[in-house]
Amino acid sequence: MNNMETEYKSGSLSLFGAIAMGTGVMIGAGIFALTGQVAELAGALFPLAFLAAAIISGSDTNCIIRSYFLPIYGYCYTLGCLSQPKRRY
C-alpha cells in the first residue's frame, strides 16, 4: 500500500460511525425543521408555545415512567381522567 491509502484508512469512518452519524444528522435536521415551522406559526408567542410543548412532554414522560413502575393496563388513560376536573352535566 502506498502512503495515500494508509492515510485514508486511518482517517475513515467505520460502519458503526457512519450509521451513528447518519442517524444523528436525520434526527437533528428533523428537530430543527420542526422547530422552524412551529416558530413560523406561533410568531411572537413562540417561547410560550415551546414552554407548553415542554409541559405536555413532561407530563407524558411522567405518565410513562409511572406506568412502568405500576403496570396496570390503561394507566396513562386513568391518570389523564383523574387529573381532569369533574364535569357536571
Protein backbone atom coordinates (compact mmCIF):
# COMPACT_ATOMS: atom_id res chain seq x y z
CA MET A 1 0.00 0.00 0.00
CA ASN A 2 1.15 3.45 -0.66
CA ASN A 3 1.11 6.30 1.83
CA MET A 4 -2.15 7.77 0.48
CA GLU A 5 -4.13 4.55 1.11
CA THR A 6 -2.75 4.26 4.64
CA GLU A 7 -3.72 7.82 5.48
CA TYR A 8 -7.22 7.29 4.05
CA LYS A 9 -7.84 4.13 6.08
CA SER A 10 -6.61 5.71 9.33
CA GLY A 11 -8.99 8.66 8.98
CA SER A 12 -12.05 6.89 7.53
CA LEU A 13 -15.30 6.12 9.28
CA SER A 14 -16.23 2.68 10.44
CA LEU A 15 -19.64 1.22 9.62
CA PHE A 16 -20.89 1.97 13.14
CA GLY A 17 -19.59 5.54 12.92
CA ALA A 18 -21.29 6.10 9.56
CA ILE A 19 -24.62 4.75 10.86
CA ALA A 20 -24.40 6.85 14.03
CA MET A 21 -23.53 9.97 12.04
CA GLY A 22 -26.38 9.42 9.56
CA THR A 23 -28.89 8.84 12.35
CA GLY A 24 -27.76 11.95 14.21
CA VAL A 25 -27.96 14.08 11.08
CA MET A 26 -31.50 12.90 10.26
CA ILE A 27 -32.82 13.40 13.80
CA GLY A 28 -31.11 16.78 14.16
CA ALA A 29 -32.43 18.04 10.83
CA GLY A 30 -35.95 16.92 11.75
CA ILE A 31 -35.81 18.72 15.09
CA PHE A 32 -34.56 21.96 13.55
CA ALA A 33 -37.05 21.83 10.69
CA LEU A 34 -39.99 21.21 13.02
CA THR A 35 -38.88 23.95 15.40
CA GLY A 36 -38.68 26.37 12.49
CA GLN A 37 -42.18 25.53 11.30
CA VAL A 38 -43.61 25.96 14.80
CA ALA A 39 -41.79 29.29 15.18
CA GLU A 40 -43.31 30.48 11.93
CA LEU A 41 -46.83 29.51 13.00
CA ALA A 42 -46.57 30.78 16.58
CA GLY A 43 -44.94 34.09 15.68
CA ALA A 44 -44.20 36.21 18.74
CA LEU A 45 -45.72 33.59 21.04
CA PHE A 46 -43.06 31.03 20.15
CA PRO A 47 -41.48 30.94 23.64
CA LEU A 48 -44.92 30.30 25.14
CA ALA A 49 -45.61 27.53 22.58
CA PHE A 50 -42.22 25.98 23.35
CA LEU A 51 -43.00 26.08 27.09
CA ALA A 52 -46.42 24.48 26.53
CA ALA A 53 -44.80 21.70 24.48
CA ALA A 54 -42.27 21.13 27.28
CA ILE A 55 -45.04 20.84 29.87
CA ILE A 56 -47.01 18.39 27.72
CA SER A 57 -43.89 16.31 27.02
CA GLY A 58 -43.02 16.31 30.72
CA SER A 59 -46.46 15.11 31.77
CA ASP A 60 -46.39 12.39 29.12
CA THR A 61 -42.95 11.26 30.31
CA ASN A 62 -44.18 11.25 33.90
CA CYS A 63 -47.12 9.06 32.89
CA ILE A 64 -44.91 6.61 31.03
CA ILE A 65 -42.48 6.34 33.96
CA ARG A 66 -45.31 5.78 36.43
CA SER A 67 -46.90 3.14 34.23
CA TYR A 68 -43.55 1.34 34.15
CA PHE A 69 -43.45 1.07 37.94
CA LEU A 70 -47.16 0.31 38.27
CA PRO A 71 -48.01 -1.91 35.29
CA ILE A 72 -51.77 -1.59 35.07
CA TYR A 73 -53.37 -1.74 31.63
CA GLY A 74 -54.64 1.71 30.68
CA TYR A 75 -52.77 3.53 33.43
CA CYS A 76 -52.00 6.59 31.31
CA TYR A 77 -55.68 6.92 30.37
CA THR A 78 -56.72 6.53 34.01
CA LEU A 79 -54.19 9.11 35.17
CA GLY A 80 -55.42 11.52 32.49
CA CYS A 81 -59.03 11.06 33.62
CA LEU A 82 -58.12 11.59 37.28
CA SER A 83 -56.18 14.76 36.54
CA GLN A 84 -59.09 16.41 34.71
CA PRO A 85 -61.70 18.39 36.63
CA LYS A 86 -65.04 16.66 37.08
CA ARG A 87 -67.73 17.74 34.62
CA ARG A 88 -71.28 18.25 35.78
CA TYR A 89 -73.95 17.86 33.16
